[in-house]
Amino acid sequence: MVKRQLPKPAELAELMKFKKPELNGRKRRLDKALTIYDLRKIAKRRTPAAAFDYTDGAAEAELSLTRARQAFEDVEFHPDILRPAPDVNTSTTILGDTSALPFGIAPTGFTRLMHTEGEIAGAGGAGAAGIPFTLSTLGTSSIEDVKAANPHGRNWFQLYVMRQREISYGLVERAARAGFDTLMFTVDTPVAGYRMRDKRNGFSIPPQLTPGTIINALPRPWWWIDFLTTPTLEFASLSSTGGTVGDLLNSAMDPTISYDDLKVIREMWPGKLLVKGVQNVPDAVRLIDQGVDGIILSNHGGRQLDRAPIPFHLLPQVVREVGRDATVMVDTGIMNGADIVASIALGAKFTLVGRAYLYGLMAGGREGVDKTIAILRSEIERTMALLGVSTLDELEPRHVTQLARLVPVAPSVAQAALPLAR
């Protein structure tokens, strides 16, 4: 039998320590978030359905996005034992300059739709963390305002070559004057993907007050108060070019862009040039031969062609072909710092996060962006330490196995014997 006794008051007092209540509702919410998925849950509660689904959704059946996330979840790590890594260094050199972490913030359009602080929160958070921030052509803060928000950090600009080429050329010149160091030429949007969540929600830019949106807004009045009492939602860098928001959006999608446009932009741009939206090995090889500084393996977050290649699966093949000659980056589906570590181990020099950043933004503005970065940093550091590596350069392909869930079906003998259709 265990001998029992009354607890001593001094010992009881040691156990009875209560945390001071947090009166700041935003901080209280964010403190409870331990993962990016936690931030997503908060974002969904606080954002009207149309705006949340625009961020969260993808094209058609959303298979590309689902598969990209699943590919990261299907990673198996192979740690080294008895290799102490007490001081993990997550910094890297990318495109000739440093980044404190092996990821940057990807370009996102309509960002002030998610939260009125928009790109200013993203740029400020990136600058404070020492990582690059990318402004979209369809951003809702101007090139100059982003530079002011992140005056000493690294700012990149994502470019759509629009039907009116002069508009795009003007943006290139403005970004160069503002001191942006990298241009991201996007090639996977000749036409807009079909995003059925937006269609079903009656989503529009700017949002319209309809019976449905009003009903959905009732439990989220703070979002509509912010939206209605802050500057008009517009493509800030394009506001002087004329046309409605819809006109400019349609103009951004141009099925005629080609390598000739890439050549023009390469000649205009004085800094580093990336091509975003690469989805096969031959295109990767050709782009490097054309003299670009790097490529981003991406299917646009699953928002364009559904059933597109999984960028993370494509990564080892592309690195084998061009990794010695060029900077290879990857995005789409990253929701955990371990996803980033796996990408670096398989040869990516850098990664970009889009939705993960937007979930944080929707959950808590600038503080939510900081929380996203803090969560990913913690996951990166912990994964590296558990693998037994102290620096990113120590990560190797042997640390990672990509488990196969989707295996290409080999053609049958009969199919292989058939002549190609003409």
Protein backbone atom coordinates (compact mmCIF):
# COMPACT_ATOMS: atom_id res chain seq x y z
CA MET A 1 0.00 0.00 0.00
CA VAL A 2 1.18 3.53 -0.81
CA LYS A 3 1.46 5.70 2.28
CA ARG A 4 -0.77 8.73 1.94
CA GLN A 5 -0.45 12.16 3.52
CA LEU A 6 -1.97 15.58 3.30
CA PRO A 7 -0.14 17.84 0.82
CA LYS A 8 2.13 20.39 2.42
CA PRO A 9 1.02 23.99 1.77
CA ALA A 10 4.46 24.96 0.41
CA GLU A 11 4.46 22.07 -2.07
CA LEU A 12 0.89 22.84 -3.10
CA ALA A 13 1.81 26.47 -3.71
CA GLU A 14 4.59 25.34 -6.05
CA LEU A 15 2.07 23.45 -8.18
CA MET A 16 -0.54 26.20 -8.24
CA LYS A 17 1.01 28.62 -10.70
CA PHE A 18 -1.44 30.24 -13.06
CA LYS A 19 -0.54 31.96 -16.29
CA LYS A 20 -1.45 35.59 -16.53
CA PRO A 21 -4.44 35.88 -18.89
CA GLU A 22 -3.63 37.29 -22.33
CA LEU A 23 -5.98 40.21 -22.99
CA ASN A 24 -4.85 40.79 -26.59
CA GLY A 25 -7.20 38.62 -28.65
CA ARG A 26 -4.93 38.47 -31.70
CA LYS A 27 -1.92 37.39 -29.67
CA ARG A 28 -4.02 34.87 -27.77
CA ARG A 29 -5.18 33.29 -31.05
CA LEU A 30 -1.73 33.18 -32.57
CA ASP A 31 -0.07 31.81 -29.44
CA LYS A 32 -2.29 28.72 -29.74
CA ALA A 33 -1.16 28.04 -33.32
CA LEU A 34 1.54 25.38 -33.41
CA THR A 35 1.43 24.52 -37.12
CA ILE A 36 0.54 26.16 -40.42
CA TYR A 37 -2.64 24.08 -40.42
CA ASP A 38 -3.55 25.71 -37.08
CA LEU A 39 -3.15 29.12 -38.73
CA ARG A 40 -5.36 27.91 -41.58
CA LYS A 41 -8.13 27.05 -39.10
CA ILE A 42 -7.94 30.51 -37.54
CA ALA A 43 -7.90 32.12 -40.98
CA LYS A 44 -11.00 30.22 -42.04
CA ARG A 45 -12.91 31.38 -38.94
CA ARG A 46 -11.97 35.01 -39.44
CA THR A 47 -12.28 35.46 -43.21
CA PRO A 48 -15.41 35.49 -45.40
CA ALA A 49 -15.84 32.30 -47.41
CA ALA A 50 -15.19 33.86 -50.83
CA ALA A 51 -11.89 35.45 -49.77
CA PHE A 52 -10.75 32.37 -47.84
CA ASP A 53 -11.65 29.99 -50.66
CA TYR A 54 -9.87 32.20 -53.19
CA THR A 55 -6.71 31.70 -51.13
CA ASP A 56 -7.23 28.10 -50.09
CA GLY A 57 -8.61 26.72 -53.35
CA ALA A 58 -7.05 25.52 -56.57
CA ALA A 59 -8.12 24.65 -60.10
CA GLU A 60 -10.95 22.28 -61.01
CA ALA A 61 -10.87 19.16 -58.75
CA GLU A 62 -7.79 20.56 -56.91
CA LEU A 63 -5.82 17.38 -57.63
CA SER A 64 -2.57 19.24 -58.34
CA LEU A 65 -2.57 20.91 -54.93
CA THR A 66 -3.65 17.76 -53.08
CA ARG A 67 -0.94 15.69 -54.77
CA ALA A 68 1.75 18.31 -54.11
CA ARG A 69 0.98 18.33 -50.39
CA GLN A 70 0.75 14.55 -50.31
CA ALA A 71 4.19 14.29 -51.94
CA PHE A 72 5.75 16.14 -49.03
CA GLU A 73 3.84 14.04 -46.51
CA ASP A 74 5.17 10.91 -48.24
CA VAL A 75 8.79 11.83 -47.46
CA GLU A 76 10.86 9.45 -45.39
CA PHE A 77 13.89 10.95 -43.63
CA HIS A 78 17.10 9.07 -42.86
CA PRO A 79 18.82 10.66 -39.84
CA ASP A 80 22.47 10.18 -38.92
CA ILE A 81 22.95 9.14 -35.30
CA LEU A 82 25.68 10.25 -32.91
CA ARG A 83 26.31 13.35 -35.00
CA PRO A 84 25.61 16.25 -32.65
CA ALA A 85 24.07 19.35 -34.20
CA PRO A 86 23.57 21.63 -31.19
CA ASP A 87 23.89 24.86 -33.19
CA VAL A 88 21.84 24.69 -36.38
CA ASN A 89 22.53 27.38 -38.99
CA THR A 90 19.62 27.90 -41.41
CA SER A 91 21.17 30.70 -43.47
CA THR A 92 21.98 30.36 -47.15
CA THR A 93 23.28 32.35 -50.08
CA ILE A 94 20.79 32.71 -52.90
CA LEU A 95 21.31 34.62 -56.15
CA GLY A 96 24.39 36.34 -54.79
CA ASP A 97 23.03 37.51 -51.44
CA THR A 98 22.08 36.03 -48.10
CA SER A 99 18.81 34.77 -46.68
CA ALA A 100 18.46 33.85 -43.02
CA LEU A 101 16.22 30.92 -43.95
CA PRO A 102 15.99 28.66 -47.03
CA PHE A 103 12.64 30.08 -48.09
CA GLY A 104 11.13 33.36 -49.20
CA ILE A 105 7.60 34.68 -49.56
CA ALA A 106 6.06 33.82 -52.91
CA PRO A 107 4.12 36.33 -55.04
CA THR A 108 0.39 36.42 -54.33
CA GLY A 109 -2.29 38.46 -56.05
CA PHE A 110 -5.13 40.42 -54.39
CA THR A 111 -3.32 40.14 -51.05
CA ARG A 112 -5.22 42.94 -49.30
CA LEU A 113 -8.36 40.91 -49.97
CA MET A 114 -7.15 38.42 -47.36
CA HIS A 115 -6.24 41.10 -44.82
CA THR A 116 -6.06 44.86 -45.22
CA GLU A 117 -2.38 44.94 -44.20
CA GLY A 118 -1.64 42.87 -47.31
CA GLU A 119 1.78 43.00 -48.90
CA ILE A 120 2.99 45.61 -46.42
CA ALA A 121 2.68 43.03 -43.64
CA GLY A 122 4.38 40.43 -45.81
CA ALA A 123 7.27 42.67 -46.82
CA GLY A 124 7.77 43.91 -43.28
CA GLY A 125 7.72 40.39 -41.86
CA ALA A 126 10.15 39.14 -44.50
CA GLY A 127 12.50 42.04 -43.89
CA ALA A 128 12.49 41.46 -40.14
CA ALA A 129 13.21 37.76 -40.66
CA GLY A 130 15.98 38.39 -43.20
CA ILE A 131 14.29 36.57 -46.10
CA PRO A 132 13.20 37.75 -49.59
CA PHE A 133 9.70 39.05 -50.28
CA THR A 134 8.14 38.79 -53.75
CA LEU A 135 5.56 41.30 -54.97
CA SER A 136 3.11 40.15 -57.64
CA THR A 137 2.18 42.11 -60.76
CA LEU A 138 -1.36 41.69 -59.40
CA GLY A 139 -0.38 42.87 -55.93
CA THR A 140 -2.52 45.35 -54.03
CA SER A 141 0.42 47.39 -52.74
CA SER A 142 2.67 49.29 -55.12
CA ILE A 143 6.30 48.60 -55.92
CA GLU A 144 7.27 51.80 -54.14
CA ASP A 145 5.18 51.07 -51.03
CA VAL A 146 6.70 47.61 -50.68
CA LYS A 147 10.17 49.11 -50.94
CA ALA A 148 9.25 51.59 -48.20
CA ALA A 149 7.96 48.74 -46.00
CA ASN A 150 11.14 46.71 -46.54
CA PRO A 151 13.80 49.34 -47.28
CA HIS A 152 16.86 47.30 -46.34
CA GLY A 153 15.63 43.79 -47.14
CA ARG A 154 15.53 41.81 -50.36
CA ASN A 155 12.56 42.58 -52.59
CA TRP A 156 11.77 40.51 -55.68
CA PHE A 157 9.17 41.30 -58.35
CA GLN A 158 7.00 38.75 -60.14
CA LEU A 159 6.12 39.72 -63.71
CA TYR A 160 3.21 38.77 -65.93
CA VAL A 161 3.88 39.75 -69.51
CA MET A 162 0.58 41.43 -70.33
CA ARG A 163 -1.15 41.81 -73.66
CA GLN A 164 -0.13 45.45 -73.62
CA ARG A 165 3.61 44.84 -73.43
CA GLU A 166 4.34 48.46 -72.55
CA ILE A 167 2.59 47.99 -69.19
CA SER A 168 4.89 45.11 -68.30
CA TYR A 169 7.97 46.97 -69.51
CA GLY A 170 7.01 49.91 -67.32
CA LEU A 171 6.75 47.63 -64.28
CA VAL A 172 10.19 46.19 -64.99
CA GLU A 173 11.66 49.68 -65.09
CA ARG A 174 9.90 50.73 -61.88
CA ALA A 175 11.10 47.64 -60.01
CA ALA A 176 14.66 48.29 -61.14
CA ARG A 177 14.48 51.94 -60.03
CA ALA A 178 13.11 50.89 -56.65
CA GLY A 179 16.09 48.59 -56.08
CA PHE A 180 14.38 45.22 -56.40
CA ASP A 181 17.20 42.73 -56.97
CA THR A 182 15.41 39.82 -58.68
CA LEU A 183 12.71 39.54 -61.36
CA MET A 184 10.47 36.47 -61.48
CA PHE A 185 9.13 35.88 -65.00
CA THR A 186 5.99 33.72 -64.73
CA VAL A 187 5.23 31.39 -67.64
CA ASP A 188 2.40 29.08 -66.49
CA THR A 189 -0.57 31.41 -66.99
CA PRO A 190 -1.30 31.71 -70.72
CA VAL A 191 -4.97 31.54 -69.70
CA ALA A 192 -6.65 31.54 -66.31
CA GLY A 193 -7.22 28.25 -64.55
CA TYR A 194 -10.81 27.24 -63.77
CA ARG A 195 -11.27 27.71 -60.01
CA MET A 196 -14.63 26.26 -59.15
CA ARG A 197 -14.74 27.46 -55.55
CA ASP A 198 -14.61 31.03 -56.84
CA LYS A 199 -17.35 30.30 -59.37
CA ARG A 200 -19.62 28.76 -56.76
CA ASN A 201 -19.00 31.60 -54.31
CA GLY A 202 -19.74 34.25 -56.93
CA PHE A 203 -16.27 35.60 -56.17
CA SER A 204 -15.35 38.93 -57.70
CA ILE A 205 -12.66 41.60 -57.44
CA PRO A 206 -13.51 43.80 -55.68
CA PRO A 207 -15.95 41.81 -53.48
CA GLN A 208 -19.63 42.61 -54.03
CA LEU A 209 -22.24 42.98 -51.30
CA THR A 210 -24.86 40.34 -52.16
CA PRO A 211 -27.33 38.53 -49.86
CA GLY A 212 -24.90 35.60 -49.69
CA THR A 213 -21.84 37.68 -48.82
CA ILE A 214 -23.81 39.68 -46.24
CA ILE A 215 -25.02 36.52 -44.50
CA ASN A 216 -21.50 35.10 -44.53
CA ALA A 217 -20.13 38.37 -43.16
CA LEU A 218 -22.41 38.54 -40.12
CA PRO A 219 -20.07 36.54 -37.85
CA ARG A 220 -17.03 38.34 -39.31
CA PRO A 221 -17.89 42.06 -39.10
CA TRP A 222 -14.27 43.04 -38.44
CA TRP A 223 -13.26 41.91 -41.95
CA TRP A 224 -15.93 44.06 -43.63
CA ILE A 225 -15.20 47.03 -41.38
CA ASP A 226 -11.54 46.83 -42.40
CA PHE A 227 -12.46 46.38 -46.07
CA LEU A 228 -14.89 49.29 -46.16
CA THR A 229 -12.76 51.75 -44.18
CA THR A 230 -9.42 51.26 -45.97
CA PRO A 231 -8.26 52.28 -49.47
CA THR A 232 -10.03 50.71 -52.45
CA LEU A 233 -8.82 47.25 -53.43
CA GLU A 234 -6.91 47.64 -56.69
CA PHE A 235 -3.81 46.44 -58.48
CA ALA A 236 -1.63 49.12 -56.95
CA SER A 237 1.26 48.98 -59.41
CA LEU A 238 -1.21 49.08 -62.32
CA SER A 239 -3.58 51.76 -61.02
CA SER A 240 -2.27 54.39 -63.44
CA THR A 241 -2.54 52.21 -66.56
CA GLY A 242 -6.29 52.58 -67.03
CA GLY A 243 -9.07 50.02 -67.22
CA THR A 244 -11.07 48.25 -64.57
CA VAL A 245 -9.71 45.57 -62.27
CA GLY A 246 -11.36 42.98 -64.51
CA ASP A 247 -9.80 44.48 -67.63
CA LEU A 248 -6.34 44.36 -66.10
CA LEU A 249 -6.80 40.80 -64.90
CA ASN A 250 -7.83 39.64 -68.37
CA SER A 251 -4.89 41.51 -69.86
CA ALA A 252 -2.46 39.72 -67.56
CA MET A 253 -3.25 36.36 -69.15
CA ASP A 254 -1.69 36.21 -72.60
CA PRO A 255 -1.41 32.94 -74.57
CA THR A 256 1.05 34.53 -77.02
CA ILE A 257 4.02 34.93 -74.64
CA SER A 258 7.12 33.19 -75.92
CA TYR A 259 10.90 32.95 -75.68
CA ASP A 260 11.03 36.21 -77.62
CA ASP A 261 9.39 37.95 -74.64
CA LEU A 262 11.87 36.32 -72.30
CA LYS A 263 14.72 37.67 -74.39
CA VAL A 264 13.31 41.22 -74.27
CA ILE A 265 12.90 41.09 -70.49
CA ARG A 266 16.39 39.62 -70.04
CA GLU A 267 17.84 42.56 -71.96
CA MET A 268 15.82 45.09 -69.95
CA TRP A 269 16.39 43.74 -66.46
CA PRO A 270 19.71 44.58 -64.75
CA GLY A 271 19.41 42.10 -61.85
CA LYS A 272 18.88 38.38 -61.44
CA LEU A 273 16.20 36.72 -63.58
CA LEU A 274 14.13 33.71 -62.54
CA VAL A 275 11.56 31.83 -64.59
CA LYS A 276 8.62 30.56 -62.53
CA GLY A 277 6.32 27.75 -63.63
CA VAL A 278 8.76 25.21 -65.07
CA GLN A 279 7.16 21.75 -65.22
CA ASN A 280 9.45 19.47 -67.22
CA VAL A 281 13.13 18.72 -67.72
CA PRO A 282 13.53 19.84 -71.38
CA ASP A 283 12.11 23.29 -70.58
CA ALA A 284 14.49 23.57 -67.63
CA VAL A 285 17.47 22.77 -69.84
CA ARG A 286 16.39 25.21 -72.57
CA LEU A 287 15.85 28.04 -70.09
CA ILE A 288 19.31 27.65 -68.61
CA ASP A 289 20.73 27.66 -72.15
CA GLN A 290 18.87 30.96 -72.65
CA GLY A 291 20.87 32.51 -69.82
CA VAL A 292 18.37 32.83 -66.98
CA ASP A 293 19.83 32.83 -63.47
CA GLY A 294 17.44 30.28 -62.05
CA ILE A 295 14.19 28.38 -62.45
CA ILE A 296 11.28 27.72 -60.11
CA LEU A 297 9.62 24.33 -60.38
CA SER A 298 5.99 25.22 -59.80
CA ASN A 299 2.49 24.42 -60.99
CA HIS A 300 1.22 27.76 -59.65
CA GLY A 301 0.06 26.25 -56.40
CA GLY A 302 -2.26 23.96 -58.34
CA ARG A 303 -4.24 26.99 -59.52
CA GLN A 304 -3.73 26.61 -63.27
CA LEU A 305 -3.58 23.17 -64.91
CA ASP A 306 -5.11 20.49 -62.72
CA ARG A 307 -3.25 17.16 -62.80
CA ALA A 308 -0.04 19.08 -63.50
CA PRO A 309 3.33 17.55 -62.53
CA ILE A 310 4.23 17.58 -58.83
CA PRO A 311 7.15 20.02 -58.50
CA PHE A 312 8.74 18.16 -55.57
CA HIS A 313 8.73 14.90 -57.55
CA LEU A 314 10.26 16.67 -60.54
CA LEU A 315 13.04 18.22 -58.45
CA PRO A 316 15.66 15.40 -58.49
CA GLN A 317 15.41 14.98 -62.27
CA VAL A 318 15.87 18.68 -62.94
CA VAL A 319 18.75 19.01 -60.48
CA ARG A 320 20.54 16.13 -62.21
CA GLU A 321 20.27 17.93 -65.56
CA VAL A 322 20.90 21.58 -64.69
CA GLY A 323 21.69 21.80 -60.97
CA ARG A 324 25.39 22.41 -61.53
CA ASP A 325 24.73 25.29 -63.88
CA ALA A 326 21.74 27.05 -62.35
CA THR A 327 19.75 27.85 -59.25
CA VAL A 328 16.78 25.49 -58.94
CA MET A 329 13.94 26.47 -56.60
CA VAL A 330 10.64 24.77 -55.80
CA ASP A 331 7.21 25.81 -54.56
CA THR A 332 3.65 24.41 -54.33
CA GLY A 333 2.37 22.44 -51.37
CA ILE A 334 4.84 23.53 -48.67
CA MET A 335 3.09 23.49 -45.29
CA ASN A 336 5.88 22.47 -42.93
CA GLY A 337 9.54 23.31 -42.40
CA ALA A 338 10.30 19.63 -42.97
CA ASP A 339 9.02 20.07 -46.55
CA ILE A 340 11.64 22.76 -47.03
CA VAL A 341 14.42 20.61 -45.53
CA ALA A 342 13.48 17.73 -47.85
CA SER A 343 13.59 20.05 -50.86
CA ILE A 344 17.05 21.36 -49.97
CA ALA A 345 18.29 17.81 -49.41
CA LEU A 346 17.16 16.83 -52.92
CA GLY A 347 19.04 19.71 -54.51
CA ALA A 348 16.82 22.80 -54.39
CA LYS A 349 18.78 25.92 -53.57
CA PHE A 350 15.70 27.69 -52.20
CA THR A 351 11.95 27.39 -51.73
CA LEU A 352 8.95 29.73 -51.77
CA VAL A 353 5.84 29.69 -49.58
CA GLY A 354 2.54 31.23 -50.66
CA ARG A 355 -0.55 29.87 -48.93
CA ALA A 356 1.32 29.26 -45.67
CA TYR A 357 2.12 32.96 -45.53
CA LEU A 358 -1.44 33.95 -46.45
CA TYR A 359 -2.93 31.74 -43.73
CA GLY A 360 -0.82 33.63 -41.22
CA LEU A 361 -1.80 36.97 -42.74
CA MET A 362 -5.50 36.14 -42.55
CA ALA A 363 -5.12 34.83 -39.01
CA GLY A 364 -3.44 37.95 -37.65
CA GLY A 365 -2.04 40.51 -40.08
CA ARG A 366 1.66 41.29 -39.63
CA GLU A 367 1.80 39.30 -36.39
CA GLY A 368 0.35 36.34 -38.26
CA VAL A 369 3.05 36.62 -40.93
CA ASP A 370 5.68 36.65 -38.19
CA LYS A 371 4.03 33.56 -36.69
CA THR A 372 4.17 31.71 -40.02
CA ILE A 373 7.87 32.43 -40.34
CA ALA A 374 8.51 31.45 -36.71
CA ILE A 375 6.67 28.11 -37.12
CA LEU A 376 8.56 27.23 -40.30
CA ARG A 377 11.89 28.30 -38.76
CA SER A 378 11.30 26.10 -35.71
CA GLU A 379 10.36 23.12 -37.89
CA ILE A 380 13.43 23.59 -40.10
CA GLU A 381 15.79 23.83 -37.13
CA ARG A 382 14.27 20.84 -35.35
CA THR A 383 14.29 18.65 -38.49
CA MET A 384 17.92 19.52 -39.23
CA ALA A 385 18.99 18.79 -35.64
CA LEU A 386 17.18 15.44 -35.66
CA LEU A 387 18.84 14.55 -38.97
CA GLY A 388 22.22 15.35 -37.47
CA VAL A 389 23.10 18.27 -39.78
CA SER A 390 24.25 21.70 -38.65
CA THR A 391 24.10 23.57 -41.96
CA LEU A 392 22.00 23.38 -45.10
CA ASP A 393 25.09 22.39 -47.10
CA GLU A 394 25.26 19.15 -45.12
CA LEU A 395 21.84 18.04 -46.38
CA GLU A 396 22.16 15.40 -49.11
CA PRO A 397 19.82 13.24 -51.21
CA ARG A 398 20.66 10.28 -48.96
CA HIS A 399 18.72 11.99 -46.16
CA VAL A 400 15.43 11.69 -48.07
CA THR A 401 13.35 9.04 -49.79
CA GLN A 402 10.35 10.10 -51.86
CA LEU A 403 7.83 7.35 -51.21
CA ALA A 404 5.90 6.48 -54.38
CA ARG A 405 2.12 6.77 -54.18
CA LEU A 406 1.51 7.79 -57.80
CA VAL A 407 3.55 5.56 -60.10
CA PRO A 408 3.39 6.10 -63.88
CA VAL A 409 1.81 3.17 -65.69
CA ALA A 410 4.13 1.74 -68.35
CA PRO A 411 2.49 1.37 -71.78
CA SER A 412 1.59 -2.17 -72.75
CA VAL A 413 3.48 -3.97 -75.52
CA ALA A 414 0.47 -3.59 -77.81
CA GLN A 415 0.26 0.14 -77.16
CA ALA A 416 3.98 0.59 -77.71
CA ALA A 417 3.69 -1.09 -81.12
CA LEU A 418 0.98 1.25 -82.35
CA PRO A 419 2.09 4.06 -84.69
CA LEU A 420 1.67 7.60 -83.44
CA ALA A 421 -1.59 9.23 -84.50
CA ARG A 422 -1.17 11.86 -87.16
